[in-house]
Amino acid sequence: MTDPGLDLERNQRFIGLLARTEHIVRRFARGLLPGGDGLDDVLQETALEAWKKFSDFESNELGGTANDFACWVCVIARYKVLSYQRDRSRDRIVFRDELLAELADLALGGLGSQEDELNAVEDCLEKMGEKSRRLLLSVHRCGDSVAKIAEETQKKPRQLYYQINLLRSALLDCVRMRMAED
């Protein structure tokens, strides 16, 4: 009989890794499915299969990092997409297995760089002042807007949009420098 404490710890580790990497696996699977049809079904099947085989991941000395887990789950997702495609091969738009394999290989190769880019963006945003960061992100946040900030700061919205463009350029330069360092 297994120790309930170990089972709880294992469950928490799996759920934590899955939650941290779900966006990566979703993006990966979406890239393999034309139109995104069946994406949720594939992701659910992938999560179930990953749970069933989690002991393989733990015992396989993959390093156990979130990135390793994401790559491992993406391989499972690749096969779930193939299975989904075969099950629906009567549909009009279905990728050939060879094309799907090539797309999967390309997407798997880019996983690490996407995480590096995301980290670089987060670091560069952290370096910005609070006002600049709020202004830059206001166009992407619900409840915050350039018009609202213009009213608060008594500036014209056009001035703020110009400032946003400058901040975007500075953010891009910062991210490029960070990526070049790595």
C-alpha atoms as a PDB file:
ATOM      1  CA  MET A   1       0.000   0.000   0.000  1.00  0.00           C
ATOM      2  CA  THR A   2       1.287   3.459  -0.878  1.00  0.00           C
ATOM      3  CA  ASP A   3       1.741   6.262   1.605  1.00  0.00           C
ATOM      4  CA  PRO A   4      -1.153   8.780   1.306  1.00  0.00           C
ATOM      5  CA  GLY A   5       1.291  11.626   1.966  1.00  0.00           C
ATOM      6  CA  LEU A   6       3.413  10.589  -1.005  1.00  0.00           C
ATOM      7  CA  ASP A   7       0.319  10.291  -3.207  1.00  0.00           C
ATOM      8  CA  LEU A   8      -0.798  13.781  -2.205  1.00  0.00           C
ATOM      9  CA  GLU A   9       2.677  15.177  -2.869  1.00  0.00           C
ATOM     10  CA  ARG A  10       2.800  13.428  -6.275  1.00  0.00           C
ATOM     11  CA  ASN A  11      -0.678  14.722  -7.170  1.00  0.00           C
ATOM     12  CA  GLN A  12       0.271  18.253  -6.196  1.00  0.00           C
ATOM     13  CA  ARG A  13       3.483  18.064  -8.212  1.00  0.00           C
ATOM     14  CA  PHE A  14       1.614  16.847 -11.303  1.00  0.00           C
ATOM     15  CA  ILE A  15      -1.114  19.470 -10.996  1.00  0.00           C
ATOM     16  CA  GLY A  16       1.455  22.218 -10.425  1.00  0.00           C
ATOM     17  CA  LEU A  17       3.499  21.218 -13.468  1.00  0.00           C
ATOM     18  CA  LEU A  18       0.383  20.864 -15.619  1.00  0.00           C
ATOM     19  CA  ALA A  19      -0.951  24.263 -14.531  1.00  0.00           C
ATOM     20  CA  ARG A  20       2.410  25.962 -15.203  1.00  0.00           C
ATOM     21  CA  THR A  21       2.760  24.442 -18.660  1.00  0.00           C
ATOM     22  CA  GLU A  22      -0.853  24.243 -19.874  1.00  0.00           C
ATOM     23  CA  HIS A  23      -0.518  27.383 -22.016  1.00  0.00           C
ATOM     24  CA  ILE A  24       2.522  25.904 -23.784  1.00  0.00           C
ATOM     25  CA  VAL A  25       0.776  22.602 -24.499  1.00  0.00           C
ATOM     26  CA  ARG A  26      -2.371  24.433 -25.645  1.00  0.00           C
ATOM     27  CA  ARG A  27      -0.398  26.599 -28.056  1.00  0.00           C
ATOM     28  CA  PHE A  28       1.471  23.537 -29.333  1.00  0.00           C
ATOM     29  CA  ALA A  29      -1.701  21.506 -29.936  1.00  0.00           C
ATOM     30  CA  ARG A  30      -3.524  24.474 -31.496  1.00  0.00           C
ATOM     31  CA  GLY A  31      -0.726  24.759 -34.036  1.00  0.00           C
ATOM     32  CA  LEU A  32      -1.277  21.147 -35.095  1.00  0.00           C
ATOM     33  CA  LEU A  33      -5.062  21.305 -35.413  1.00  0.00           C
ATOM     34  CA  PRO A  34      -6.479  23.186 -38.394  1.00  0.00           C
ATOM     35  CA  GLY A  35      -8.984  25.708 -37.118  1.00  0.00           C
ATOM     36  CA  GLY A  36      -8.513  24.551 -33.531  1.00  0.00           C
ATOM     37  CA  ASP A  37     -11.380  22.058 -33.832  1.00  0.00           C
ATOM     38  CA  GLY A  38     -11.201  19.444 -31.110  1.00  0.00           C
ATOM     39  CA  LEU A  39      -8.538  21.329 -29.165  1.00  0.00           C
ATOM     40  CA  ASP A  40     -10.250  20.943 -25.801  1.00  0.00           C
ATOM     41  CA  ASP A  41     -10.854  17.228 -26.416  1.00  0.00           C
ATOM     42  CA  VAL A  42      -7.209  16.680 -27.363  1.00  0.00           C
ATOM     43  CA  LEU A  43      -5.995  18.622 -24.317  1.00  0.00           C
ATOM     44  CA  GLN A  44      -8.244  16.653 -21.996  1.00  0.00           C
ATOM     45  CA  GLU A  45      -7.058  13.344 -23.469  1.00  0.00           C
ATOM     46  CA  THR A  46      -3.466  14.580 -23.222  1.00  0.00           C
ATOM     47  CA  ALA A  47      -3.828  15.510 -19.545  1.00  0.00           C
ATOM     48  CA  LEU A  48      -5.381  12.132 -18.745  1.00  0.00           C
ATOM     49  CA  GLU A  49      -2.622  10.271 -20.554  1.00  0.00           C
ATOM     50  CA  ALA A  50       0.058  12.388 -18.885  1.00  0.00           C
ATOM     51  CA  TRP A  51      -1.452  11.602 -15.506  1.00  0.00           C
ATOM     52  CA  LYS A  52      -1.493   7.881 -16.271  1.00  0.00           C
ATOM     53  CA  LYS A  53       2.160   7.995 -17.358  1.00  0.00           C
ATOM     54  CA  PHE A  54       3.416  10.520 -14.815  1.00  0.00           C
ATOM     55  CA  SER A  55       5.437   7.846 -13.041  1.00  0.00           C
ATOM     56  CA  ASP A  56       7.334   7.340 -16.341  1.00  0.00           C
ATOM     57  CA  PHE A  57       8.220  11.041 -16.342  1.00  0.00           C
ATOM     58  CA  GLU A  58       9.321  10.953 -12.714  1.00  0.00           C
ATOM     59  CA  SER A  59      11.477   7.842 -13.157  1.00  0.00           C
ATOM     60  CA  ASN A  60      12.983   8.888 -16.484  1.00  0.00           C
ATOM     61  CA  GLU A  61      15.586  11.319 -15.117  1.00  0.00           C
ATOM     62  CA  LEU A  62      14.399  14.087 -17.438  1.00  0.00           C
ATOM     63  CA  GLY A  63      15.409  16.690 -14.898  1.00  0.00           C
ATOM     64  CA  GLY A  64      11.887  17.312 -13.721  1.00  0.00           C
ATOM     65  CA  THR A  65      11.761  21.000 -14.655  1.00  0.00           C
ATOM     66  CA  ALA A  66       8.586  22.624 -15.953  1.00  0.00           C
ATOM     67  CA  ASN A  67      10.206  22.923 -19.381  1.00  0.00           C
ATOM     68  CA  ASP A  68      11.055  19.199 -19.400  1.00  0.00           C
ATOM     69  CA  PHE A  69       7.495  18.431 -18.369  1.00  0.00           C
ATOM     70  CA  ALA A  70       6.113  20.691 -21.118  1.00  0.00           C
ATOM     71  CA  CYS A  71       8.216  18.926 -23.760  1.00  0.00           C
ATOM     72  CA  TRP A  72       7.136  15.517 -22.439  1.00  0.00           C
ATOM     73  CA  VAL A  73       3.434  16.487 -22.450  1.00  0.00           C
ATOM     74  CA  CYS A  74       3.775  17.999 -25.951  1.00  0.00           C
ATOM     75  CA  VAL A  75       5.001  14.637 -27.215  1.00  0.00           C
ATOM     76  CA  ILE A  76       1.894  13.050 -25.713  1.00  0.00           C
ATOM     77  CA  ALA A  77      -0.245  15.809 -27.265  1.00  0.00           C
ATOM     78  CA  ARG A  78       1.343  15.137 -30.644  1.00  0.00           C
ATOM     79  CA  TYR A  79       0.141  11.533 -30.545  1.00  0.00           C
ATOM     80  CA  LYS A  80      -3.287  12.580 -29.274  1.00  0.00           C
ATOM     81  CA  VAL A  81      -3.586  15.003 -32.212  1.00  0.00           C
ATOM     82  CA  LEU A  82      -2.622  12.201 -34.603  1.00  0.00           C
ATOM     83  CA  SER A  83      -5.256   9.971 -33.017  1.00  0.00           C
ATOM     84  CA  TYR A  84      -7.840  12.747 -33.226  1.00  0.00           C
ATOM     85  CA  GLN A  85      -6.979  13.344 -36.883  1.00  0.00           C
ATOM     86  CA  ARG A  86      -7.261   9.641 -37.720  1.00  0.00           C
ATOM     87  CA  ASP A  87     -10.632   9.453 -35.981  1.00  0.00           C
ATOM     88  CA  ARG A  88     -11.865  12.364 -38.065  1.00  0.00           C
ATOM     89  CA  SER A  89     -10.143  11.543 -41.335  1.00  0.00           C
ATOM     90  CA  ARG A  90     -13.440  11.837 -43.198  1.00  0.00           C
ATOM     91  CA  ASP A  91     -13.402  15.586 -42.601  1.00  0.00           C
ATOM     92  CA  ARG A  92     -12.334  17.787 -45.483  1.00  0.00           C
ATOM     93  CA  ILE A  93      -9.317  19.469 -43.871  1.00  0.00           C
ATOM     94  CA  VAL A  94      -6.986  16.965 -42.258  1.00  0.00           C
ATOM     95  CA  PHE A  95      -3.211  17.284 -42.177  1.00  0.00           C
ATOM     96  CA  ARG A  96      -1.226  14.323 -43.439  1.00  0.00           C
ATOM     97  CA  ASP A  97       0.714  12.508 -40.738  1.00  0.00           C
ATOM     98  CA  GLU A  98       4.021  13.601 -42.271  1.00  0.00           C
ATOM     99  CA  LEU A  99       3.055  17.284 -42.236  1.00  0.00           C
ATOM    100  CA  LEU A 100       1.738  16.978 -38.703  1.00  0.00           C
ATOM    101  CA  ALA A 101       4.996  15.336 -37.599  1.00  0.00           C
ATOM    102  CA  GLU A 102       7.026  18.130 -39.201  1.00  0.00           C
ATOM    103  CA  LEU A 103       4.886  20.829 -37.560  1.00  0.00           C
ATOM    104  CA  ALA A 104       5.213  19.081 -34.203  1.00  0.00           C
ATOM    105  CA  ASP A 105       9.002  18.875 -34.525  1.00  0.00           C
ATOM    106  CA  LEU A 106       9.205  22.583 -35.353  1.00  0.00           C
ATOM    107  CA  ALA A 107       6.929  23.519 -32.461  1.00  0.00           C
ATOM    108  CA  LEU A 108       8.828  21.348 -29.985  1.00  0.00           C
ATOM    109  CA  GLY A 109      12.085  22.952 -31.072  1.00  0.00           C
ATOM    110  CA  GLY A 110      10.717  26.402 -30.289  1.00  0.00           C
ATOM    111  CA  LEU A 111       9.338  25.705 -26.813  1.00  0.00           C
ATOM    112  CA  GLY A 112      12.461  26.787 -24.960  1.00  0.00           C
ATOM    113  CA  SER A 113      12.831  30.011 -26.897  1.00  0.00           C
ATOM    114  CA  GLN A 114       9.194  30.964 -26.255  1.00  0.00           C
ATOM    115  CA  GLU A 115       9.733  30.617 -22.512  1.00  0.00           C
ATOM    116  CA  ASP A 116      12.971  32.626 -22.797  1.00  0.00           C
ATOM    117  CA  GLU A 117      11.122  35.373 -24.689  1.00  0.00           C
ATOM    118  CA  LEU A 118       8.342  35.458 -22.106  1.00  0.00           C
ATOM    119  CA  ASN A 119      10.892  35.742 -19.288  1.00  0.00           C
ATOM    120  CA  ALA A 120      12.700  38.525 -21.150  1.00  0.00           C
ATOM    121  CA  VAL A 121       9.447  40.472 -21.611  1.00  0.00           C
ATOM    122  CA  GLU A 122       8.598  40.073 -17.931  1.00  0.00           C
ATOM    123  CA  ASP A 123      12.085  41.207 -16.873  1.00  0.00           C
ATOM    124  CA  CYS A 124      11.993  44.219 -19.178  1.00  0.00           C
ATOM    125  CA  LEU A 125       8.540  45.201 -17.929  1.00  0.00           C
ATOM    126  CA  GLU A 126       9.831  44.977 -14.362  1.00  0.00           C
ATOM    127  CA  LYS A 127      12.611  47.441 -15.228  1.00  0.00           C
ATOM    128  CA  MET A 128      10.089  50.046 -16.430  1.00  0.00           C
ATOM    129  CA  GLY A 129       8.658  52.569 -14.053  1.00  0.00           C
ATOM    130  CA  GLU A 130       5.169  51.898 -12.701  1.00  0.00           C
ATOM    131  CA  LYS A 131       3.552  54.713 -14.731  1.00  0.00           C
ATOM    132  CA  SER A 132       5.208  53.633 -17.977  1.00  0.00           C
ATOM    133  CA  ARG A 133       4.311  49.987 -17.387  1.00  0.00           C
ATOM    134  CA  ARG A 134       0.679  50.877 -16.604  1.00  0.00           C
ATOM    135  CA  LEU A 135       0.414  53.029 -19.717  1.00  0.00           C
ATOM    136  CA  LEU A 136       1.960  50.356 -21.928  1.00  0.00           C
ATOM    137  CA  LEU A 137      -0.277  47.610 -20.557  1.00  0.00           C
ATOM    138  CA  SER A 138      -3.439  49.758 -20.426  1.00  0.00           C
ATOM    139  CA  VAL A 139      -4.343  48.883 -24.005  1.00  0.00           C
ATOM    140  CA  HIS A 140      -4.393  45.190 -23.013  1.00  0.00           C
ATOM    141  CA  ARG A 141      -6.120  45.381 -19.618  1.00  0.00           C
ATOM    142  CA  CYS A 142      -9.797  45.241 -18.980  1.00  0.00           C
ATOM    143  CA  GLY A 143     -10.953  48.257 -16.991  1.00  0.00           C
ATOM    144  CA  ASP A 144      -7.892  50.348 -17.805  1.00  0.00           C
ATOM    145  CA  SER A 145      -7.661  52.505 -20.885  1.00  0.00           C
ATOM    146  CA  VAL A 146      -5.631  55.239 -22.487  1.00  0.00           C
ATOM    147  CA  ALA A 147      -8.643  57.531 -22.218  1.00  0.00           C
ATOM    148  CA  LYS A 148      -8.843  56.923 -18.460  1.00  0.00           C
ATOM    149  CA  ILE A 149      -5.123  57.587 -18.014  1.00  0.00           C
ATOM    150  CA  ALA A 150      -5.379  60.689 -20.217  1.00  0.00           C
ATOM    151  CA  GLU A 151      -8.126  61.993 -17.957  1.00  0.00           C
ATOM    152  CA  GLU A 152      -6.121  61.230 -14.794  1.00  0.00           C
ATOM    153  CA  THR A 153      -2.928  62.842 -16.106  1.00  0.00           C
ATOM    154  CA  GLN A 154      -4.693  65.634 -18.000  1.00  0.00           C
ATOM    155  CA  LYS A 155      -2.884  64.749 -21.210  1.00  0.00           C
ATOM    156  CA  LYS A 156      -4.293  64.261 -24.664  1.00  0.00           C
ATOM    157  CA  PRO A 157      -4.891  60.630 -25.681  1.00  0.00           C
ATOM    158  CA  ARG A 158      -2.853  61.222 -28.853  1.00  0.00           C
ATOM    159  CA  GLN A 159       0.183  62.144 -26.721  1.00  0.00           C
ATOM    160  CA  LEU A 160      -0.251  58.969 -24.705  1.00  0.00           C
ATOM    161  CA  TYR A 161      -0.522  56.813 -27.825  1.00  0.00           C
ATOM    162  CA  TYR A 162       2.715  58.351 -29.077  1.00  0.00           C
ATOM    163  CA  GLN A 163       4.291  57.583 -25.695  1.00  0.00           C
ATOM    164  CA  ILE A 164       2.961  53.999 -25.906  1.00  0.00           C
ATOM    165  CA  ASN A 165       4.667  53.554 -29.269  1.00  0.00           C
ATOM    166  CA  LEU A 166       7.948  54.766 -27.777  1.00  0.00           C
ATOM    167  CA  LEU A 167       7.531  52.403 -24.812  1.00  0.00           C
ATOM    168  CA  ARG A 168       6.820  49.496 -27.164  1.00  0.00           C
ATOM    169  CA  SER A 169       9.995  50.243 -29.090  1.00  0.00           C
ATOM    170  CA  ALA A 170      11.990  50.444 -25.863  1.00  0.00           C
ATOM    171  CA  LEU A 171      10.466  47.160 -24.665  1.00  0.00           C
ATOM    172  CA  LEU A 172      11.321  45.467 -27.953  1.00  0.00           C
ATOM    173  CA  ASP A 173      14.914  46.733 -27.784  1.00  0.00           C
ATOM    174  CA  CYS A 174      15.217  45.517 -24.187  1.00  0.00           C
ATOM    175  CA  VAL A 175      13.839  42.066 -25.072  1.00  0.00           C
ATOM    176  CA  ARG A 176      16.179  41.774 -28.049  1.00  0.00           C
ATOM    177  CA  MET A 177      19.169  42.674 -25.859  1.00  0.00           C
ATOM    178  CA  ARG A 178      18.094  40.137 -23.213  1.00  0.00           C
ATOM    179  CA  MET A 179      17.676  37.425 -25.837  1.00  0.00           C
ATOM    180  CA  ALA A 180      21.095  38.243 -27.317  1.00  0.00           C
ATOM    181  CA  GLU A 181      22.653  37.884 -23.844  1.00  0.00           C
ATOM    182  CA  ASP A 182      21.167  34.416 -23.451  1.00  0.00           C
END
